[in-house]
Amino acid sequence: MRELLEAVADGSMSPAAAEAELNGYVTSEAGRFDAARQQRRGIPEAIFAEGKSAAQVVALAETALETTGRALLTRVDDERATALRAALSDSNPEATIERRHSTVRVLAPTYDPPELDATVGIVTGGTVDEPVADEAEVVCLDAGATVDRVDDIGVASLARTLDQVDRFRGADVLIVAAGREGALPTVVAGLVDTPVIAVPVDSGYGYGGDGDAALAGMLQSCTVLSVVNIDAGFVAGAQAVLISRAIDRARS
C-alpha cells in the first residue's frame, strides 16, 4: 500500500493505475473498467461502444490504456472512431490505433504484446461475414495467437470449401462464421478433428434472415461443435484464445 501511495505522490503512477492495483477495476463517470480481467480470465475486458456516447468510449479507452497498456473496443462506428482518434492524438499521441470494420485496438508505445504457440483458423462463408470474423481475429491477435484466415468459402459451392481442408486441419482451433442457413460450420466440423466454434451471422433475408436460421442450424448441427450468439465475434475469439492458451501451456 505504501509503495503505491509513494508512486502516486512522486508521479510514477497515476491514481487510476493505483486504483486498478488495489481494486482490480477503475471507476469513472463513464463506468467501471475491469483492469484485472486479463489476469483473472486470460482475456481483457472489451469496451462495447454501441449505445455509449463518444465521450464515454474515449474515457474508457483512455482508462484501459492507462491501466493495462492497451484498449480493445467492439462495435465502434465512424463517429466514435473519429472521436477516439482525435482525443488520443492529444492525450496519447504515440499510441497505435488499429481498426478493422467496427473493432478497434489501441496500443500504448510501452505495451509488450504476448505470444502464443497456437494457430487459430478463422473461416467465413461470404464477404458479409467478414466484420464479425474481424472482431474474432483482433481478439486472437491481441492474445498473441497466429491467425490463418480463409474467407468466402460458403457451401453453395462445396468445392471451395473442400480445397481448404488441409488448412483447416493445420489449425489448433477453428472459428467459422456464416449467415443464411448457417451450414458452413457443420460441414467444416465434419471434416476435421479440431475444435470448431460456430458464429451465426446476421445476414440473409426474409424468414430467419436476421441470424435466427443460422443460429438454429448450428445448434442442431449433426457434427460436434460449439456455438456462440449471433454476431458474437468477440466471444468466439475469446473462447479460441482460452483454448489456445491451454495448447500453448501443454507445448511449453
C-alpha atoms as a PDB file:
ATOM      1  CA  MET A   1       0.000   0.000   0.000  1.00  0.00           C
ATOM      2  CA  ARG A   2       2.729   2.448   0.986  1.00  0.00           C
ATOM      3  CA  GLU A   3       4.625   1.789  -2.230  1.00  0.00           C
ATOM      4  CA  LEU A   4       1.524   2.597  -4.262  1.00  0.00           C
ATOM      5  CA  LEU A   5       0.946   5.814  -2.338  1.00  0.00           C
ATOM      6  CA  GLU A   6       4.566   6.843  -2.799  1.00  0.00           C
ATOM      7  CA  ALA A   7       4.381   6.058  -6.527  1.00  0.00           C
ATOM      8  CA  VAL A   8       1.288   8.243  -6.903  1.00  0.00           C
ATOM      9  CA  ALA A   9       2.930  11.001  -4.838  1.00  0.00           C
ATOM     10  CA  ASP A  10       6.096  11.074  -6.938  1.00  0.00           C
ATOM     11  CA  GLY A  11       4.153  10.885 -10.219  1.00  0.00           C
ATOM     12  CA  SER A  12       5.446   7.499 -11.371  1.00  0.00           C
ATOM     13  CA  MET A  13       1.948   6.003 -11.103  1.00  0.00           C
ATOM     14  CA  SER A  14      -1.397   7.592 -11.880  1.00  0.00           C
ATOM     15  CA  PRO A  15      -4.282   7.453  -9.408  1.00  0.00           C
ATOM     16  CA  ALA A  16      -6.218   5.285 -11.886  1.00  0.00           C
ATOM     17  CA  ALA A  17      -3.388   2.782 -12.141  1.00  0.00           C
ATOM     18  CA  ALA A  18      -3.124   2.664  -8.336  1.00  0.00           C
ATOM     19  CA  GLU A  19      -6.880   2.089  -8.066  1.00  0.00           C
ATOM     20  CA  ALA A  20      -6.591  -0.747 -10.574  1.00  0.00           C
ATOM     21  CA  GLU A  21      -3.832  -2.334  -8.476  1.00  0.00           C
ATOM     22  CA  LEU A  22      -5.901  -2.084  -5.305  1.00  0.00           C
ATOM     23  CA  ASN A  23      -9.415  -2.910  -6.533  1.00  0.00           C
ATOM     24  CA  GLY A  24      -8.865  -4.609  -9.875  1.00  0.00           C
ATOM     25  CA  TYR A  25     -11.098  -2.021 -11.541  1.00  0.00           C
ATOM     26  CA  VAL A  26     -11.214   1.726 -12.080  1.00  0.00           C
ATOM     27  CA  THR A  27     -14.334   3.815 -11.556  1.00  0.00           C
ATOM     28  CA  SER A  28     -15.071   6.910 -13.602  1.00  0.00           C
ATOM     29  CA  GLU A  29     -18.109   8.818 -14.825  1.00  0.00           C
ATOM     30  CA  ALA A  30     -18.088   6.590 -17.916  1.00  0.00           C
ATOM     31  CA  GLY A  31     -18.380   3.412 -15.839  1.00  0.00           C
ATOM     32  CA  ARG A  32     -16.087   0.826 -14.280  1.00  0.00           C
ATOM     33  CA  PHE A  33     -13.240  -0.668 -16.271  1.00  0.00           C
ATOM     34  CA  ASP A  34     -12.158  -4.172 -15.217  1.00  0.00           C
ATOM     35  CA  ALA A  35      -8.390  -3.764 -15.419  1.00  0.00           C
ATOM     36  CA  ALA A  36      -7.725  -7.131 -13.760  1.00  0.00           C
ATOM     37  CA  ARG A  37      -9.756  -9.253 -16.167  1.00  0.00           C
ATOM     38  CA  GLN A  38      -6.693 -10.240 -18.174  1.00  0.00           C
ATOM     39  CA  GLN A  39      -5.056 -11.742 -15.084  1.00  0.00           C
ATOM     40  CA  ARG A  40      -8.283 -13.284 -13.795  1.00  0.00           C
ATOM     41  CA  ARG A  41      -9.735 -14.688 -17.050  1.00  0.00           C
ATOM     42  CA  GLY A  42      -6.891 -14.695 -19.539  1.00  0.00           C
ATOM     43  CA  ILE A  43      -8.718 -12.219 -21.792  1.00  0.00           C
ATOM     44  CA  PRO A  44      -9.103  -8.450 -21.395  1.00  0.00           C
ATOM     45  CA  GLU A  45     -12.295  -6.523 -20.941  1.00  0.00           C
ATOM     46  CA  ALA A  46     -13.524  -5.220 -24.279  1.00  0.00           C
ATOM     47  CA  ILE A  47     -15.220  -1.829 -24.383  1.00  0.00           C
ATOM     48  CA  PHE A  48     -18.595  -2.277 -26.066  1.00  0.00           C
ATOM     49  CA  ALA A  49     -19.029   1.052 -27.870  1.00  0.00           C
ATOM     50  CA  GLU A  50     -22.576   0.603 -29.154  1.00  0.00           C
ATOM     51  CA  GLY A  51     -25.024   2.590 -27.011  1.00  0.00           C
ATOM     52  CA  LYS A  52     -22.267   4.617 -25.345  1.00  0.00           C
ATOM     53  CA  SER A  53     -21.590   8.261 -26.132  1.00  0.00           C
ATOM     54  CA  ALA A  54     -18.370   9.179 -27.892  1.00  0.00           C
ATOM     55  CA  ALA A  55     -17.149  10.818 -24.674  1.00  0.00           C
ATOM     56  CA  GLN A  56     -17.787   7.631 -22.690  1.00  0.00           C
ATOM     57  CA  VAL A  57     -15.975   5.495 -25.268  1.00  0.00           C
ATOM     58  CA  VAL A  58     -12.982   7.825 -25.212  1.00  0.00           C
ATOM     59  CA  ALA A  59     -12.865   7.931 -21.402  1.00  0.00           C
ATOM     60  CA  LEU A  60     -12.981   4.143 -21.065  1.00  0.00           C
ATOM     61  CA  ALA A  61     -10.354   3.663 -23.777  1.00  0.00           C
ATOM     62  CA  GLU A  62      -8.025   6.113 -22.054  1.00  0.00           C
ATOM     63  CA  THR A  63      -8.546   4.309 -18.747  1.00  0.00           C
ATOM     64  CA  ALA A  64      -7.757   0.970 -20.398  1.00  0.00           C
ATOM     65  CA  LEU A  65      -4.572   2.376 -21.913  1.00  0.00           C
ATOM     66  CA  GLU A  66      -3.514   3.917 -18.619  1.00  0.00           C
ATOM     67  CA  THR A  67      -4.043   0.759 -16.577  1.00  0.00           C
ATOM     68  CA  THR A  68      -3.304  -2.114 -18.976  1.00  0.00           C
ATOM     69  CA  GLY A  69      -1.306  -0.609 -21.841  1.00  0.00           C
ATOM     70  CA  ARG A  70      -3.931  -1.337 -24.452  1.00  0.00           C
ATOM     71  CA  ALA A  71      -7.616  -0.919 -25.206  1.00  0.00           C
ATOM     72  CA  LEU A  72      -9.862  -3.293 -27.134  1.00  0.00           C
ATOM     73  CA  LEU A  73     -13.148  -1.864 -28.417  1.00  0.00           C
ATOM     74  CA  THR A  74     -16.019  -3.503 -30.294  1.00  0.00           C
ATOM     75  CA  ARG A  75     -18.984  -2.140 -32.273  1.00  0.00           C
ATOM     76  CA  VAL A  76     -17.228   1.162 -32.954  1.00  0.00           C
ATOM     77  CA  ASP A  77     -18.951   3.257 -35.625  1.00  0.00           C
ATOM     78  CA  ASP A  78     -17.337   6.058 -37.656  1.00  0.00           C
ATOM     79  CA  GLU A  79     -18.443   8.792 -35.259  1.00  0.00           C
ATOM     80  CA  ARG A  80     -16.888   7.134 -32.222  1.00  0.00           C
ATOM     81  CA  ALA A  81     -13.780   6.078 -34.110  1.00  0.00           C
ATOM     82  CA  THR A  82     -13.213   9.675 -35.232  1.00  0.00           C
ATOM     83  CA  ALA A  83     -13.719  10.983 -31.682  1.00  0.00           C
ATOM     84  CA  LEU A  84     -11.315   8.370 -30.329  1.00  0.00           C
ATOM     85  CA  ARG A  85      -8.594   9.250 -32.814  1.00  0.00           C
ATOM     86  CA  ALA A  86      -8.992  12.960 -32.118  1.00  0.00           C
ATOM     87  CA  ALA A  87      -8.852  12.530 -28.350  1.00  0.00           C
ATOM     88  CA  LEU A  88      -5.895  10.136 -28.381  1.00  0.00           C
ATOM     89  CA  SER A  89      -3.925  12.408 -30.699  1.00  0.00           C
ATOM     90  CA  ASP A  90      -3.863  14.815 -27.742  1.00  0.00           C
ATOM     91  CA  SER A  91      -3.741  12.515 -24.704  1.00  0.00           C
ATOM     92  CA  ASN A  92      -1.707   9.613 -26.173  1.00  0.00           C
ATOM     93  CA  PRO A  93      -0.106  10.845 -29.410  1.00  0.00           C
ATOM     94  CA  GLU A  94       2.312   7.892 -29.594  1.00  0.00           C
ATOM     95  CA  ALA A  95      -0.407   5.249 -29.241  1.00  0.00           C
ATOM     96  CA  THR A  96      -1.031   2.911 -32.180  1.00  0.00           C
ATOM     97  CA  ILE A  97      -4.646   2.671 -33.352  1.00  0.00           C
ATOM     98  CA  GLU A  98      -5.713  -0.341 -35.402  1.00  0.00           C
ATOM     99  CA  ARG A  99      -9.243  -0.590 -36.821  1.00  0.00           C
ATOM    100  CA  ARG A 100     -10.939  -3.450 -38.649  1.00  0.00           C
ATOM    101  CA  HIS A 101     -14.518  -2.637 -39.526  1.00  0.00           C
ATOM    102  CA  SER A 102     -16.138  -1.982 -36.132  1.00  0.00           C
ATOM    103  CA  THR A 103     -13.346  -3.402 -33.965  1.00  0.00           C
ATOM    104  CA  VAL A 104     -10.532  -1.182 -32.675  1.00  0.00           C
ATOM    105  CA  ARG A 105      -7.358  -1.963 -30.763  1.00  0.00           C
ATOM    106  CA  VAL A 106      -5.192   0.777 -29.263  1.00  0.00           C
ATOM    107  CA  LEU A 107      -1.659   0.033 -28.044  1.00  0.00           C
ATOM    108  CA  ALA A 108       0.475   2.235 -25.817  1.00  0.00           C
ATOM    109  CA  PRO A 109       4.095   2.580 -27.023  1.00  0.00           C
ATOM    110  CA  THR A 110       5.324   0.708 -23.921  1.00  0.00           C
ATOM    111  CA  TYR A 111       2.953  -2.230 -24.346  1.00  0.00           C
ATOM    112  CA  ASP A 112       4.694  -5.593 -24.776  1.00  0.00           C
ATOM    113  CA  PRO A 113       2.332  -7.888 -26.719  1.00  0.00           C
ATOM    114  CA  PRO A 114       2.150 -11.551 -25.705  1.00  0.00           C
ATOM    115  CA  GLU A 115       2.901 -14.571 -27.877  1.00  0.00           C
ATOM    116  CA  LEU A 116       1.065 -17.887 -28.037  1.00  0.00           C
ATOM    117  CA  ASP A 117       2.300 -21.074 -29.667  1.00  0.00           C
ATOM    118  CA  ALA A 118      -1.071 -21.810 -31.231  1.00  0.00           C
ATOM    119  CA  THR A 119      -2.849 -21.214 -34.524  1.00  0.00           C
ATOM    120  CA  VAL A 120      -6.470 -20.135 -34.815  1.00  0.00           C
ATOM    121  CA  GLY A 121      -8.129 -20.722 -38.165  1.00  0.00           C
ATOM    122  CA  ILE A 122     -10.845 -18.181 -38.955  1.00  0.00           C
ATOM    123  CA  VAL A 123     -13.241 -19.052 -41.759  1.00  0.00           C
ATOM    124  CA  THR A 124     -16.109 -17.085 -43.322  1.00  0.00           C
ATOM    125  CA  GLY A 125     -18.897 -18.199 -45.582  1.00  0.00           C
ATOM    126  CA  GLY A 126     -19.053 -14.925 -47.517  1.00  0.00           C
ATOM    127  CA  THR A 127     -17.875 -11.321 -47.614  1.00  0.00           C
ATOM    128  CA  VAL A 128     -20.804 -10.162 -45.467  1.00  0.00           C
ATOM    129  CA  ASP A 129     -19.475 -12.313 -42.601  1.00  0.00           C
ATOM    130  CA  GLU A 130     -16.103 -10.563 -42.510  1.00  0.00           C
ATOM    131  CA  PRO A 131     -16.830  -7.826 -39.907  1.00  0.00           C
ATOM    132  CA  VAL A 132     -17.858 -10.448 -37.349  1.00  0.00           C
ATOM    133  CA  ALA A 133     -14.808 -12.549 -38.197  1.00  0.00           C
ATOM    134  CA  ASP A 134     -12.626  -9.436 -37.889  1.00  0.00           C
ATOM    135  CA  GLU A 135     -13.856  -8.986 -34.321  1.00  0.00           C
ATOM    136  CA  ALA A 136     -12.780 -12.530 -33.506  1.00  0.00           C
ATOM    137  CA  GLU A 137      -9.471 -12.104 -35.303  1.00  0.00           C
ATOM    138  CA  VAL A 138      -8.492  -8.952 -33.398  1.00  0.00           C
ATOM    139  CA  VAL A 139      -9.110 -10.756 -30.102  1.00  0.00           C
ATOM    140  CA  CYS A 140      -6.913 -13.681 -31.200  1.00  0.00           C
ATOM    141  CA  LEU A 141      -4.131 -11.455 -32.497  1.00  0.00           C
ATOM    142  CA  ASP A 142      -4.262  -9.382 -29.326  1.00  0.00           C
ATOM    143  CA  ALA A 143      -3.591 -12.564 -27.329  1.00  0.00           C
ATOM    144  CA  GLY A 144      -0.567 -13.382 -29.493  1.00  0.00           C
ATOM    145  CA  ALA A 145      -2.017 -16.326 -31.408  1.00  0.00           C
ATOM    146  CA  THR A 146      -1.207 -16.950 -35.064  1.00  0.00           C
ATOM    147  CA  VAL A 147      -4.279 -16.491 -37.261  1.00  0.00           C
ATOM    148  CA  ASP A 148      -4.863 -18.321 -40.540  1.00  0.00           C
ATOM    149  CA  ARG A 149      -7.777 -16.569 -42.254  1.00  0.00           C
ATOM    150  CA  VAL A 150      -9.817 -18.153 -45.064  1.00  0.00           C
ATOM    151  CA  ASP A 151     -12.652 -16.059 -46.494  1.00  0.00           C
ATOM    152  CA  ASP A 152     -15.616 -16.593 -48.801  1.00  0.00           C
ATOM    153  CA  ILE A 153     -15.865 -20.382 -48.963  1.00  0.00           C
ATOM    154  CA  GLY A 154     -19.606 -20.835 -48.470  1.00  0.00           C
ATOM    155  CA  VAL A 155     -21.141 -24.243 -49.121  1.00  0.00           C
ATOM    156  CA  ALA A 156     -23.151 -23.029 -52.113  1.00  0.00           C
ATOM    157  CA  SER A 157     -20.002 -24.110 -53.951  1.00  0.00           C
ATOM    158  CA  LEU A 158     -18.724 -27.008 -51.875  1.00  0.00           C
ATOM    159  CA  ALA A 159     -15.540 -27.291 -53.949  1.00  0.00           C
ATOM    160  CA  ARG A 160     -14.203 -24.033 -52.500  1.00  0.00           C
ATOM    161  CA  THR A 161     -14.723 -25.466 -49.004  1.00  0.00           C
ATOM    162  CA  LEU A 162     -13.129 -28.834 -49.698  1.00  0.00           C
ATOM    163  CA  ASP A 163      -9.977 -27.406 -51.250  1.00  0.00           C
ATOM    164  CA  GLN A 164      -9.169 -25.661 -47.940  1.00  0.00           C
ATOM    165  CA  VAL A 165      -9.464 -28.733 -45.711  1.00  0.00           C
ATOM    166  CA  ASP A 166      -5.690 -29.127 -45.248  1.00  0.00           C
ATOM    167  CA  ARG A 167      -5.523 -25.575 -43.881  1.00  0.00           C
ATOM    168  CA  PHE A 168      -8.404 -26.285 -41.518  1.00  0.00           C
ATOM    169  CA  ARG A 169      -6.637 -29.376 -40.212  1.00  0.00           C
ATOM    170  CA  GLY A 170      -3.472 -27.387 -39.594  1.00  0.00           C
ATOM    171  CA  ALA A 171      -5.172 -25.106 -37.067  1.00  0.00           C
ATOM    172  CA  ASP A 172      -5.375 -25.792 -33.331  1.00  0.00           C
ATOM    173  CA  VAL A 173      -8.882 -24.330 -33.109  1.00  0.00           C
ATOM    174  CA  LEU A 174     -11.301 -23.083 -35.763  1.00  0.00           C
ATOM    175  CA  ILE A 175     -13.766 -20.204 -35.741  1.00  0.00           C
ATOM    176  CA  VAL A 176     -16.312 -20.490 -38.545  1.00  0.00           C
ATOM    177  CA  ALA A 177     -18.674 -17.565 -39.218  1.00  0.00           C
ATOM    178  CA  ALA A 178     -21.653 -17.899 -41.555  1.00  0.00           C
ATOM    179  CA  GLY A 179     -25.093 -16.436 -42.128  1.00  0.00           C
ATOM    180  CA  ARG A 180     -28.098 -17.596 -44.150  1.00  0.00           C
ATOM    181  CA  GLU A 181     -28.835 -21.215 -43.100  1.00  0.00           C
ATOM    182  CA  GLY A 182     -25.524 -21.483 -41.210  1.00  0.00           C
ATOM    183  CA  ALA A 183     -24.403 -24.737 -42.830  1.00  0.00           C
ATOM    184  CA  LEU A 184     -20.676 -23.992 -43.196  1.00  0.00           C
ATOM    185  CA  PRO A 185     -19.562 -24.728 -39.590  1.00  0.00           C
ATOM    186  CA  THR A 186     -21.349 -28.089 -39.669  1.00  0.00           C
ATOM    187  CA  VAL A 187     -19.618 -29.059 -42.908  1.00  0.00           C
ATOM    188  CA  VAL A 188     -16.193 -27.946 -41.664  1.00  0.00           C
ATOM    189  CA  ALA A 189     -16.624 -29.673 -38.297  1.00  0.00           C
ATOM    190  CA  GLY A 190     -17.391 -32.922 -40.097  1.00  0.00           C
ATOM    191  CA  LEU A 191     -14.020 -32.826 -41.858  1.00  0.00           C
ATOM    192  CA  VAL A 192     -11.582 -32.083 -39.019  1.00  0.00           C
ATOM    193  CA  ASP A 193     -10.605 -33.263 -35.529  1.00  0.00           C
ATOM    194  CA  THR A 194     -10.087 -29.649 -34.475  1.00  0.00           C
ATOM    195  CA  PRO A 195     -12.415 -27.848 -32.025  1.00  0.00           C
ATOM    196  CA  VAL A 196     -14.850 -25.725 -34.050  1.00  0.00           C
ATOM    197  CA  ILE A 197     -16.528 -22.582 -32.712  1.00  0.00           C
ATOM    198  CA  ALA A 198     -19.501 -21.615 -34.867  1.00  0.00           C
ATOM    199  CA  VAL A 199     -20.602 -17.987 -35.179  1.00  0.00           C
ATOM    200  CA  PRO A 200     -24.048 -17.307 -36.687  1.00  0.00           C
ATOM    201  CA  VAL A 201     -24.108 -14.024 -38.600  1.00  0.00           C
ATOM    202  CA  ASP A 202     -26.996 -11.628 -39.086  1.00  0.00           C
ATOM    203  CA  SER A 203     -27.082 -11.979 -42.864  1.00  0.00           C
ATOM    204  CA  GLY A 204     -29.793 -13.164 -45.225  1.00  0.00           C
ATOM    205  CA  TYR A 205     -33.340 -12.011 -45.892  1.00  0.00           C
ATOM    206  CA  GLY A 206     -36.903 -12.990 -45.198  1.00  0.00           C
ATOM    207  CA  TYR A 207     -37.775 -15.565 -42.558  1.00  0.00           C
ATOM    208  CA  GLY A 208     -34.749 -16.235 -40.327  1.00  0.00           C
ATOM    209  CA  GLY A 209     -32.639 -13.718 -42.214  1.00  0.00           C
ATOM    210  CA  ASP A 210     -31.703 -11.883 -39.030  1.00  0.00           C
ATOM    211  CA  GLY A 211     -29.399 -14.708 -37.948  1.00  0.00           C
ATOM    212  CA  ASP A 212     -32.067 -16.876 -36.319  1.00  0.00           C
ATOM    213  CA  ALA A 213     -31.916 -19.527 -39.055  1.00  0.00           C
ATOM    214  CA  ALA A 214     -28.109 -19.674 -38.878  1.00  0.00           C
ATOM    215  CA  LEU A 215     -28.217 -19.972 -35.080  1.00  0.00           C
ATOM    216  CA  ALA A 216     -30.855 -22.710 -35.163  1.00  0.00           C
ATOM    217  CA  GLY A 217     -28.962 -24.662 -37.818  1.00  0.00           C
ATOM    218  CA  MET A 218     -25.710 -24.520 -35.855  1.00  0.00           C
ATOM    219  CA  LEU A 219     -27.413 -25.547 -32.621  1.00  0.00           C
ATOM    220  CA  GLN A 220     -28.888 -28.537 -34.453  1.00  0.00           C
ATOM    221  CA  SER A 221     -25.561 -29.495 -36.031  1.00  0.00           C
ATOM    222  CA  CYS A 222     -25.129 -33.218 -36.542  1.00  0.00           C
ATOM    223  CA  THR A 223     -21.374 -32.802 -36.174  1.00  0.00           C
ATOM    224  CA  VAL A 224     -19.854 -31.737 -32.868  1.00  0.00           C
ATOM    225  CA  LEU A 225     -19.197 -28.015 -32.488  1.00  0.00           C
ATOM    226  CA  SER A 226     -19.724 -25.136 -30.064  1.00  0.00           C
ATOM    227  CA  VAL A 227     -21.992 -22.193 -30.885  1.00  0.00           C
ATOM    228  CA  VAL A 228     -21.896 -18.575 -29.707  1.00  0.00           C
ATOM    229  CA  ASN A 229     -24.618 -15.969 -30.070  1.00  0.00           C
ATOM    230  CA  ILE A 230     -25.478 -14.142 -33.288  1.00  0.00           C
ATOM    231  CA  ASP A 231     -22.649 -11.830 -34.424  1.00  0.00           C
ATOM    232  CA  ALA A 232     -20.686 -12.617 -31.218  1.00  0.00           C
ATOM    233  CA  GLY A 233     -17.237 -12.409 -32.787  1.00  0.00           C
ATOM    234  CA  PHE A 234     -15.620 -11.276 -29.556  1.00  0.00           C
ATOM    235  CA  VAL A 235     -16.959 -14.258 -27.629  1.00  0.00           C
ATOM    236  CA  ALA A 236     -15.769 -16.673 -30.319  1.00  0.00           C
ATOM    237  CA  GLY A 237     -12.343 -15.078 -30.324  1.00  0.00           C
ATOM    238  CA  ALA A 238     -12.148 -15.182 -26.538  1.00  0.00           C
ATOM    239  CA  GLN A 239     -13.086 -18.877 -26.461  1.00  0.00           C
ATOM    240  CA  ALA A 240     -10.450 -19.615 -29.089  1.00  0.00           C
ATOM    241  CA  VAL A 241      -7.885 -17.714 -27.011  1.00  0.00           C
ATOM    242  CA  LEU A 242      -8.636 -19.773 -23.896  1.00  0.00           C
ATOM    243  CA  ILE A 243      -8.227 -22.991 -25.887  1.00  0.00           C
ATOM    244  CA  SER A 244      -5.025 -21.639 -27.441  1.00  0.00           C
ATOM    245  CA  ARG A 245      -3.617 -20.779 -24.015  1.00  0.00           C
ATOM    246  CA  ALA A 246      -4.152 -24.359 -22.865  1.00  0.00           C
ATOM    247  CA  ILE A 247      -2.427 -25.648 -26.004  1.00  0.00           C
ATOM    248  CA  ASP A 248       0.462 -23.210 -25.515  1.00  0.00           C
ATOM    249  CA  ARG A 249       0.930 -24.365 -21.911  1.00  0.00           C
ATOM    250  CA  ALA A 250       0.915 -28.009 -22.994  1.00  0.00           C
ATOM    251  CA  ARG A 251       3.522 -27.371 -25.684  1.00  0.00           C
ATOM    252  CA  SER A 252       5.815 -25.472 -23.359  1.00  0.00           C
END
